[in-house]
């Protein structure tokens, strides 16, 4: 294992974050703060509790997931897209670096940035509402798994994207609606039976459900099912990336 190569790619990607600090860190934190003000204060004053949890606290896992998913995908996709766009990816492919080392460098950095955003938003939430985390170790574990899985997914998007429009297509038009419709601001138990069944086809429901369980001990979907789903998603992404590098699809063209 070439740890020097992994470290080089990882640090390069992390340094890119500090060059765009406002966009990378401050923007999602400020956006989430607005959600707390609007949903937590305005709407929360009319909704007392959901599953015996104050509404302002209830939306915390969903808001963290919203930002984390977007950041993991965006950082994962741009990390590999720009080397491909300017042609430096050929230097990486010709270097004595394995596919695993490239993935660890790029995806590791993207996941780290998304995880940091999640923790910063969690700290920001303490300024608006009082809450306790029922299972802190599981919370950190679930957050890390989610960051890695969607950073891998973003990495695939970055390889397949032909232009900047395609790069932002999935995060803006797919992930954001799925998060909003996945129980971020409500429990799916509040929906009519038909729409509860329809909502279960939304994969983000399982992410938010398991993350909310780590906070409050309540979940819309069995935690074992949710964890199994995200692990399978991670494995599928790894297999796809390995296949892409093995064939050179969209990399060597």
Protein backbone atom coordinates (compact mmCIF):
# COMPACT_ATOMS: atom_id res chain seq x y z
CA UNK A 1 0.00 0.00 0.00
CA UNK A 2 1.47 3.33 -1.12
CA UNK A 3 0.56 5.51 1.86
CA UNK A 4 2.57 8.42 0.49
CA UNK A 5 0.36 8.54 -2.61
CA UNK A 6 -2.79 8.34 -0.50
CA UNK A 7 -1.54 11.12 1.76
CA UNK A 8 -0.64 13.32 -1.22
CA UNK A 9 -4.06 13.02 -2.86
CA UNK A 10 -5.84 13.39 0.47
CA UNK A 11 -3.97 16.53 1.53
CA UNK A 12 -4.35 18.11 -1.91
CA UNK A 13 -8.12 17.66 -1.74
CA UNK A 14 -8.30 18.89 1.84
CA UNK A 15 -6.28 21.99 0.95
CA UNK A 16 -8.79 22.74 -1.79
CA UNK A 17 -11.42 23.09 0.92
CA UNK A 18 -9.45 25.77 2.74
CA UNK A 19 -9.05 27.70 -0.51
CA UNK A 20 -12.85 27.82 -0.81
CA UNK A 21 -13.68 28.06 2.87
CA UNK A 22 -16.83 30.19 2.48
CA UNK A 23 -18.36 27.87 -0.10
CA UNK A 24 -17.22 24.66 1.57
CA UNK A 25 -17.92 25.38 5.24
CA UNK A 26 -19.81 28.60 5.93
CA UNK A 27 -22.44 28.25 3.21
CA UNK A 28 -23.98 24.93 4.37
CA UNK A 29 -23.81 26.02 8.02
CA UNK A 30 -25.62 29.30 7.32
CA UNK A 31 -28.20 27.51 5.18
CA UNK A 32 -28.88 25.00 7.94
CA UNK A 33 -29.18 27.81 10.49
CA UNK A 34 -31.93 29.33 8.35
CA UNK A 35 -33.74 25.99 8.36
CA UNK A 36 -33.60 25.95 12.16
CA UNK A 37 -34.98 29.47 12.33
CA UNK A 38 -37.80 28.86 9.84
CA UNK A 39 -38.78 25.28 10.65
CA UNK A 40 -37.64 25.09 14.26
CA UNK A 41 -39.06 28.42 15.41
CA UNK A 42 -41.91 29.30 13.04
CA UNK A 43 -43.32 25.85 12.34
CA UNK A 44 -42.00 24.27 15.54
CA UNK A 45 -44.09 26.66 17.62
CA UNK A 46 -47.22 25.07 16.09
CA UNK A 47 -46.01 21.45 16.29
CA UNK A 48 -45.20 20.54 19.86
CA UNK A 49 -43.69 17.06 19.60
CA UNK A 50 -43.27 14.11 17.23
CA UNK A 51 -42.71 10.72 18.86
CA UNK A 52 -42.29 12.55 22.18
CA UNK A 53 -39.43 14.62 20.73
CA UNK A 54 -39.59 18.40 20.46
CA UNK A 55 -40.03 19.37 16.82
CA UNK A 56 -36.97 21.62 16.81
CA UNK A 57 -34.83 18.68 17.92
CA UNK A 58 -36.68 16.17 15.72
CA UNK A 59 -35.52 17.86 12.50
CA UNK A 60 -31.82 17.87 13.46
CA UNK A 61 -30.96 14.44 11.95
CA UNK A 62 -32.77 15.32 8.73
CA UNK A 63 -31.00 18.66 8.37
CA UNK A 64 -27.62 17.05 9.01
CA UNK A 65 -28.36 14.36 6.41
CA UNK A 66 -29.43 17.01 3.89
CA UNK A 67 -26.11 18.83 4.15
CA UNK A 68 -23.94 15.73 4.52
CA UNK A 69 -25.36 13.97 1.46
CA UNK A 70 -24.96 17.07 -0.70
CA UNK A 71 -21.44 17.75 0.53
CA UNK A 72 -20.29 14.13 0.20
CA UNK A 73 -21.57 13.86 -3.37
CA UNK A 74 -20.33 17.30 -4.41
CA UNK A 75 -16.83 16.86 -2.96
CA UNK A 76 -16.57 13.30 -4.23
CA UNK A 77 -17.58 14.27 -7.76
CA UNK A 78 -15.56 17.47 -8.14
CA UNK A 79 -12.46 15.79 -6.69
CA UNK A 80 -12.12 13.45 -9.67
CA UNK A 81 -13.94 15.56 -12.27
CA UNK A 82 -11.45 18.44 -12.34
CA UNK A 83 -8.38 16.20 -12.88
CA UNK A 84 -10.32 14.56 -15.69
CA UNK A 85 -11.42 17.92 -17.09
CA UNK A 86 -7.93 19.45 -17.20
CA UNK A 87 -6.18 16.20 -18.12
CA UNK A 88 -4.09 15.60 -15.01
CA UNK A 89 -5.96 12.35 -14.39
CA UNK A 90 -3.63 10.71 -16.93
CA UNK A 91 -0.68 11.47 -14.66
CA UNK A 92 -2.50 9.70 -11.82
CA UNK A 93 -3.39 6.72 -13.99
CA UNK A 94 0.18 6.38 -15.25
CA UNK A 95 1.70 6.68 -11.77
CA UNK A 96 2.48 3.59 -9.67
CA UNK A 97 -0.77 4.03 -7.72
CA UNK A 98 -3.47 1.39 -7.42
CA UNK A 99 -7.21 1.91 -7.77
CA UNK A 100 -7.65 1.36 -4.02
CA UNK A 101 -5.08 4.06 -3.22
CA UNK A 102 -6.76 6.55 -5.56
CA UNK A 103 -10.14 5.83 -4.01
CA UNK A 104 -8.77 6.14 -0.47
CA UNK A 105 -7.21 9.50 -1.30
CA UNK A 106 -10.13 11.16 -3.11
CA UNK A 107 -13.06 9.52 -1.33
CA UNK A 108 -11.33 9.77 2.04
CA UNK A 109 -10.98 13.53 1.64
CA UNK A 110 -14.56 13.96 0.42
CA UNK A 111 -15.91 11.87 3.30
CA UNK A 112 -13.80 13.78 5.82
CA UNK A 113 -15.13 17.13 4.60
CA UNK A 114 -18.74 15.90 4.68
CA UNK A 115 -18.24 14.44 8.17
CA UNK A 116 -16.78 17.74 9.39
CA UNK A 117 -19.77 19.62 7.98
CA UNK A 118 -22.11 17.25 9.79
CA UNK A 119 -20.36 17.76 13.11
CA UNK A 120 -20.27 21.54 12.65
CA UNK A 121 -24.01 21.58 11.94
CA UNK A 122 -24.58 19.39 15.00
CA UNK A 123 -22.68 21.94 17.09
CA UNK A 124 -24.67 24.75 15.47
CA UNK A 125 -27.92 23.00 16.42
CA UNK A 126 -27.07 23.37 20.11
CA UNK A 127 -27.45 27.13 19.68
CA UNK A 128 -31.10 26.74 18.68
CA UNK A 129 -32.52 23.74 20.56
CA UNK A 130 -31.79 21.54 23.55
CA UNK A 131 -31.33 17.85 22.83
CA UNK A 132 -29.45 14.76 23.94
CA UNK A 133 -27.99 12.00 21.77
CA UNK A 134 -29.19 8.60 22.93
CA UNK A 135 -26.52 6.58 21.11
CA UNK A 136 -23.53 8.87 20.38
CA UNK A 137 -21.19 6.08 19.22
CA UNK A 138 -23.76 4.79 16.75
CA UNK A 139 -24.46 8.34 15.64
CA UNK A 140 -20.81 8.90 14.72
CA UNK A 141 -20.65 5.46 13.08
CA UNK A 142 -23.77 6.02 10.98
CA UNK A 143 -22.57 9.47 9.97
CA UNK A 144 -19.18 8.12 8.88
CA UNK A 145 -20.72 5.27 6.87
CA UNK A 146 -23.09 7.69 5.14
CA UNK A 147 -20.27 10.10 4.29
CA UNK A 148 -18.12 7.32 2.81
CA UNK A 149 -20.99 5.75 0.85
CA UNK A 150 -22.13 8.97 -0.79
CA UNK A 151 -18.59 10.19 -1.38
CA UNK A 152 -18.12 6.96 -3.37
CA UNK A 153 -21.37 7.69 -5.21
CA UNK A 154 -20.18 11.23 -5.95
CA UNK A 155 -16.89 9.81 -7.20
CA UNK A 156 -18.82 7.76 -9.77
CA UNK A 157 -20.80 10.83 -10.83
CA UNK A 158 -17.57 12.79 -11.29
CA UNK A 159 -16.17 10.09 -13.56
CA UNK A 160 -19.32 9.73 -15.65
CA UNK A 161 -20.13 13.45 -15.95
CA UNK A 162 -19.27 15.04 -19.29
CA UNK A 163 -19.82 18.64 -18.19
CA UNK A 164 -20.59 20.81 -15.17
CA UNK A 165 -24.33 20.54 -15.75
CA UNK A 166 -24.24 16.76 -15.43
CA UNK A 167 -22.02 17.13 -12.38
CA UNK A 168 -24.73 19.00 -10.48
CA UNK A 169 -27.71 17.16 -11.95
CA UNK A 170 -27.97 14.35 -9.39
CA UNK A 171 -27.38 16.41 -6.20
CA UNK A 172 -29.84 19.14 -7.15
CA UNK A 173 -32.59 17.24 -8.98
CA UNK A 174 -32.43 13.84 -7.28
CA UNK A 175 -30.86 13.93 -3.81
CA UNK A 176 -32.46 17.16 -2.55
CA UNK A 177 -36.06 16.11 -3.38
CA UNK A 178 -35.45 12.64 -1.94
CA UNK A 179 -34.21 14.15 1.34
CA UNK A 180 -37.18 16.49 1.63
CA UNK A 181 -39.58 13.64 0.88
CA UNK A 182 -37.67 11.18 3.08
CA UNK A 183 -38.92 12.28 6.48
CA UNK A 184 -36.47 15.09 7.17
CA UNK A 185 -39.12 17.33 8.68
CA UNK A 186 -41.77 14.79 9.62
CA UNK A 187 -42.31 11.17 10.59
CA UNK A 188 -43.62 8.98 7.80
CA UNK A 189 -46.07 7.57 10.37
CA UNK A 190 -47.91 10.89 9.97
CA UNK A 191 -48.70 10.05 6.33
CA UNK A 192 -51.75 8.10 5.07
CA UNK A 193 -51.09 4.34 4.71
CA UNK A 194 -50.76 4.52 0.90
CA UNK A 195 -48.13 7.26 1.01
CA UNK A 196 -46.28 5.48 3.80
CA UNK A 197 -45.86 2.52 1.45
CA UNK A 198 -44.75 4.78 -1.41
CA UNK A 199 -42.26 6.57 0.83
CA UNK A 200 -40.53 3.28 1.69
CA UNK A 201 -39.26 3.18 -1.90
CA UNK A 202 -37.25 6.33 -1.13
CA UNK A 203 -33.73 5.13 -0.13
CA UNK A 204 -33.05 8.29 1.86
CA UNK A 205 -35.83 7.32 4.30
CA UNK A 206 -33.62 4.54 5.63
CA UNK A 207 -30.66 6.89 6.13
CA UNK A 208 -32.66 9.47 8.04
CA UNK A 209 -34.48 6.80 10.03
CA UNK A 210 -31.32 5.10 11.30
CA UNK A 211 -29.68 8.45 12.01
CA UNK A 212 -32.72 9.68 13.95
CA UNK A 213 -32.70 6.43 15.95
CA UNK A 214 -29.14 7.18 17.08
CA UNK A 215 -30.38 10.54 18.39
CA UNK A 216 -33.72 9.72 20.00
CA UNK A 217 -34.11 5.93 19.96
CA UNK A 218 -37.08 6.07 17.58
CA UNK A 219 -37.11 5.11 13.90
CA UNK A 220 -39.61 4.82 11.05
CA UNK A 221 -37.81 1.76 9.67
CA UNK A 222 -36.04 -1.09 11.46
CA UNK A 223 -32.44 -0.05 12.13
CA UNK A 224 -31.02 -3.39 10.94
CA UNK A 225 -32.71 -2.93 7.55
CA UNK A 226 -31.41 0.63 7.29
CA UNK A 227 -27.82 -0.34 8.12
CA UNK A 228 -27.94 -3.28 5.71
CA UNK A 229 -29.19 -1.00 2.93
CA UNK A 230 -26.39 1.55 3.34
CA UNK A 231 -23.71 -1.17 3.55
CA UNK A 232 -25.01 -2.78 0.35
CA UNK A 233 -25.03 0.65 -1.31
CA UNK A 234 -21.40 1.18 -0.29
CA UNK A 235 -20.31 -2.20 -1.65
CA UNK A 236 -22.11 -1.62 -4.95
CA UNK A 237 -20.34 1.72 -5.37
CA UNK A 238 -16.94 0.14 -4.72
CA UNK A 239 -17.63 -2.58 -7.30
CA UNK A 240 -18.71 -0.02 -9.91
CA UNK A 241 -15.62 2.15 -9.33
CA UNK A 242 -13.33 -0.87 -9.55
CA UNK A 243 -14.96 -1.83 -12.84
CA UNK A 244 -14.61 1.70 -14.21
CA UNK A 245 -10.88 1.79 -13.43
CA UNK A 246 -10.42 -1.73 -14.81
CA UNK A 247 -11.96 -0.75 -18.15
CA UNK A 248 -10.91 2.91 -18.22
CA UNK A 249 -14.49 3.94 -19.03
CA UNK A 250 -14.78 7.74 -19.18
CA UNK A 251 -11.23 8.00 -17.82
CA UNK A 252 -9.05 7.07 -20.78
CA UNK A 253 -11.33 8.51 -23.43
